[in-house]
Amino acid sequence: MTEDVVGVLYAEDDPDDRLLAREAWEDSRALNPLDFVKDGEELLEYLRREGRYAGRTSPQPGVVLLDLNMPRMDGRTALAEIKKDPELRRIPVVVLTTSKASEDVLKSYDLGVAGFIVKPPTFEALSGVLRDVEQYWMKLVRLPEG
């Protein structure tokens, strides 16, 4: 890992879920920054440094958390775009969604997702999940540099 602080990027369209995730992230005492985008199109703009993110100089996120059901471009389509892009495909993407559908799990893994987490129903459980995500992806796993 580089000396830059590596963060987590969460693609989530629901403002209440973003607020809950922000509070859970802070509650979990995560040290790495958590940023949000609102849908798959914004996610790709962020990662490709296009549109409103054209001037972004911060490093790529160490991991992307991805909701599947979003407007404009859903998480499945965004995941497929990320994994076919040679500049982005090494970024681990973890689905964090309310879907429990077997077809969503299978399709996500077929597209190259690094993990699939069903979003827990309580704040305390979400805090625990996000604490585990930060521990695993930011402290235990060696992420690709660049």
Protein backbone atom coordinates (compact mmCIF):
# COMPACT_ATOMS: atom_id res chain seq x y z
CA MET A 1 0.00 0.00 0.00
CA THR A 2 1.18 3.52 -0.68
CA GLU A 3 1.64 6.21 1.96
CA ASP A 4 -1.65 7.79 0.90
CA VAL A 5 -4.65 6.98 3.02
CA VAL A 6 -6.78 4.49 1.16
CA GLY A 7 -10.49 4.89 1.51
CA VAL A 8 -13.72 3.10 0.85
CA LEU A 9 -16.20 4.26 -1.78
CA TYR A 10 -19.84 3.28 -1.30
CA ALA A 11 -22.29 3.47 -4.22
CA GLU A 12 -25.71 3.87 -2.56
CA ASP A 13 -28.68 5.80 -3.94
CA ASP A 14 -30.79 6.06 -0.76
CA PRO A 15 -29.89 9.19 1.28
CA ASP A 16 -31.14 7.59 4.50
CA ASP A 17 -28.97 4.52 3.90
CA ARG A 18 -25.97 6.78 3.18
CA LEU A 19 -26.55 8.65 6.45
CA LEU A 20 -26.95 5.40 8.37
CA ALA A 21 -23.78 3.99 6.78
CA ARG A 22 -21.85 7.19 7.60
CA GLU A 23 -22.97 7.01 11.24
CA ALA A 24 -22.23 3.27 11.42
CA TRP A 25 -18.77 3.87 9.89
CA GLU A 26 -18.03 6.50 12.50
CA ASP A 27 -19.50 4.30 15.25
CA SER A 28 -17.20 1.47 14.18
CA ARG A 29 -14.24 3.84 14.69
CA ALA A 30 -12.96 3.17 11.18
CA LEU A 31 -9.81 5.13 10.43
CA ASN A 32 -10.07 5.08 6.66
CA PRO A 33 -12.27 7.65 4.92
CA LEU A 34 -15.67 6.65 3.54
CA ASP A 35 -17.01 8.48 0.48
CA PHE A 36 -20.30 8.07 -1.35
CA VAL A 37 -21.63 8.20 -4.88
CA LYS A 38 -25.33 7.96 -5.69
CA ASP A 39 -25.50 5.51 -8.59
CA GLY A 40 -23.50 3.46 -11.06
CA GLU A 41 -22.94 6.33 -13.47
CA GLU A 42 -21.48 8.53 -10.72
CA LEU A 43 -19.40 5.56 -9.52
CA LEU A 44 -17.78 5.17 -12.94
CA GLU A 45 -17.22 8.93 -13.25
CA TYR A 46 -15.49 8.90 -9.86
CA LEU A 47 -13.28 5.93 -10.68
CA ARG A 48 -12.46 7.18 -14.20
CA ARG A 49 -11.95 10.77 -12.96
CA GLU A 50 -14.50 12.09 -15.43
CA GLY A 51 -17.29 14.67 -15.26
CA ARG A 52 -17.48 16.35 -11.87
CA TYR A 53 -14.55 14.17 -10.71
CA ALA A 54 -12.20 15.17 -13.54
CA GLY A 55 -9.96 17.09 -11.14
CA ARG A 56 -9.91 14.41 -8.43
CA THR A 57 -6.35 13.72 -7.32
CA SER A 58 -6.98 11.40 -4.39
CA PRO A 59 -5.95 7.78 -4.79
CA GLN A 60 -8.44 5.22 -6.01
CA PRO A 61 -10.46 3.62 -3.23
CA GLY A 62 -9.05 0.49 -1.68
CA VAL A 63 -12.47 -1.14 -1.97
CA VAL A 64 -15.85 -0.25 -3.44
CA LEU A 65 -19.06 -1.11 -1.62
CA LEU A 66 -21.87 -1.48 -4.12
CA ASP A 67 -25.63 -1.45 -3.82
CA LEU A 68 -27.27 -3.41 -6.62
CA ASN A 69 -30.55 -1.53 -7.01
CA MET A 70 -29.86 2.06 -8.04
CA PRO A 71 -31.35 4.42 -10.64
CA ARG A 72 -29.65 5.49 -13.89
CA MET A 73 -27.14 2.62 -13.79
CA ASP A 74 -27.63 -0.25 -11.39
CA GLY A 75 -24.88 -1.99 -9.48
CA ARG A 76 -24.81 -5.04 -11.77
CA THR A 77 -24.10 -2.90 -14.83
CA ALA A 78 -21.54 -0.78 -12.96
CA LEU A 79 -19.79 -3.93 -11.71
CA ALA A 80 -19.58 -5.32 -15.25
CA GLU A 81 -18.10 -2.00 -16.48
CA ILE A 82 -15.52 -1.91 -13.68
CA LYS A 83 -14.40 -5.48 -14.24
CA LYS A 84 -13.96 -5.06 -18.01
CA ASP A 85 -11.90 -1.86 -17.61
CA PRO A 86 -8.16 -2.70 -17.38
CA GLU A 87 -7.56 0.43 -15.26
CA LEU A 88 -10.25 -0.43 -12.71
CA ARG A 89 -10.71 -4.19 -12.62
CA ARG A 90 -8.24 -4.76 -9.77
CA ILE A 91 -10.24 -2.60 -7.36
CA PRO A 92 -12.09 -5.01 -5.07
CA VAL A 93 -15.85 -4.55 -5.23
CA VAL A 94 -18.03 -5.87 -2.43
CA VAL A 95 -21.79 -5.91 -2.91
CA LEU A 96 -23.63 -4.51 0.13
CA THR A 97 -27.33 -4.73 -0.64
CA THR A 98 -30.71 -5.71 0.74
CA SER A 99 -31.13 -8.38 -1.94
CA LYS A 100 -31.01 -11.98 -0.77
CA ALA A 101 -31.85 -13.37 -4.20
CA SER A 102 -29.69 -16.32 -5.25
CA GLU A 103 -29.56 -15.01 -8.81
CA ASP A 104 -28.09 -11.70 -7.57
CA VAL A 105 -25.42 -13.57 -5.60
CA LEU A 106 -24.51 -15.80 -8.57
CA LYS A 107 -24.56 -12.97 -11.11
CA SER A 108 -22.38 -10.78 -8.86
CA TYR A 109 -19.75 -13.49 -8.48
CA ASP A 110 -19.92 -14.26 -12.21
CA LEU A 111 -19.14 -10.57 -12.82
CA GLY A 112 -16.12 -10.66 -10.51
CA VAL A 113 -17.33 -9.33 -7.18
CA ALA A 114 -14.95 -9.89 -4.25
CA GLY A 115 -17.77 -10.54 -1.79
CA PHE A 116 -21.52 -10.32 -1.31
CA ILE A 117 -22.98 -8.98 1.94
CA VAL A 118 -26.68 -8.71 2.70
CA LYS A 119 -27.23 -5.36 4.37
CA PRO A 120 -28.18 -6.01 8.00
CA PRO A 121 -31.45 -4.57 9.30
CA THR A 122 -30.15 -2.81 12.44
CA PHE A 123 -27.72 0.01 13.03
CA GLU A 124 -25.67 -2.11 15.45
CA ALA A 125 -25.36 -4.94 12.95
CA LEU A 126 -24.43 -2.51 10.16
CA SER A 127 -21.74 -1.00 12.40
CA GLY A 128 -20.34 -4.48 12.95
CA VAL A 129 -20.36 -5.30 9.24
CA LEU A 130 -18.61 -2.05 8.36
CA ARG A 131 -16.06 -2.59 11.13
CA ASP A 132 -15.36 -6.04 9.68
CA VAL A 133 -15.11 -4.61 6.16
CA GLU A 134 -12.58 -2.04 7.30
CA GLN A 135 -10.60 -4.59 9.32
CA TYR A 136 -10.45 -7.08 6.47
CA TRP A 137 -9.96 -4.81 3.46
CA MET A 138 -7.91 -2.00 5.02
CA LYS A 139 -5.81 -3.87 7.58
CA LEU A 140 -5.57 -7.56 6.73
CA VAL A 141 -5.63 -7.80 2.95
CA ARG A 142 -2.84 -6.47 0.79
CA LEU A 143 -4.46 -4.30 -1.86
CA PRO A 144 -2.98 -3.61 -5.30
CA GLU A 145 -1.08 -0.33 -5.48
CA GLY A 146 -1.93 2.33 -8.00
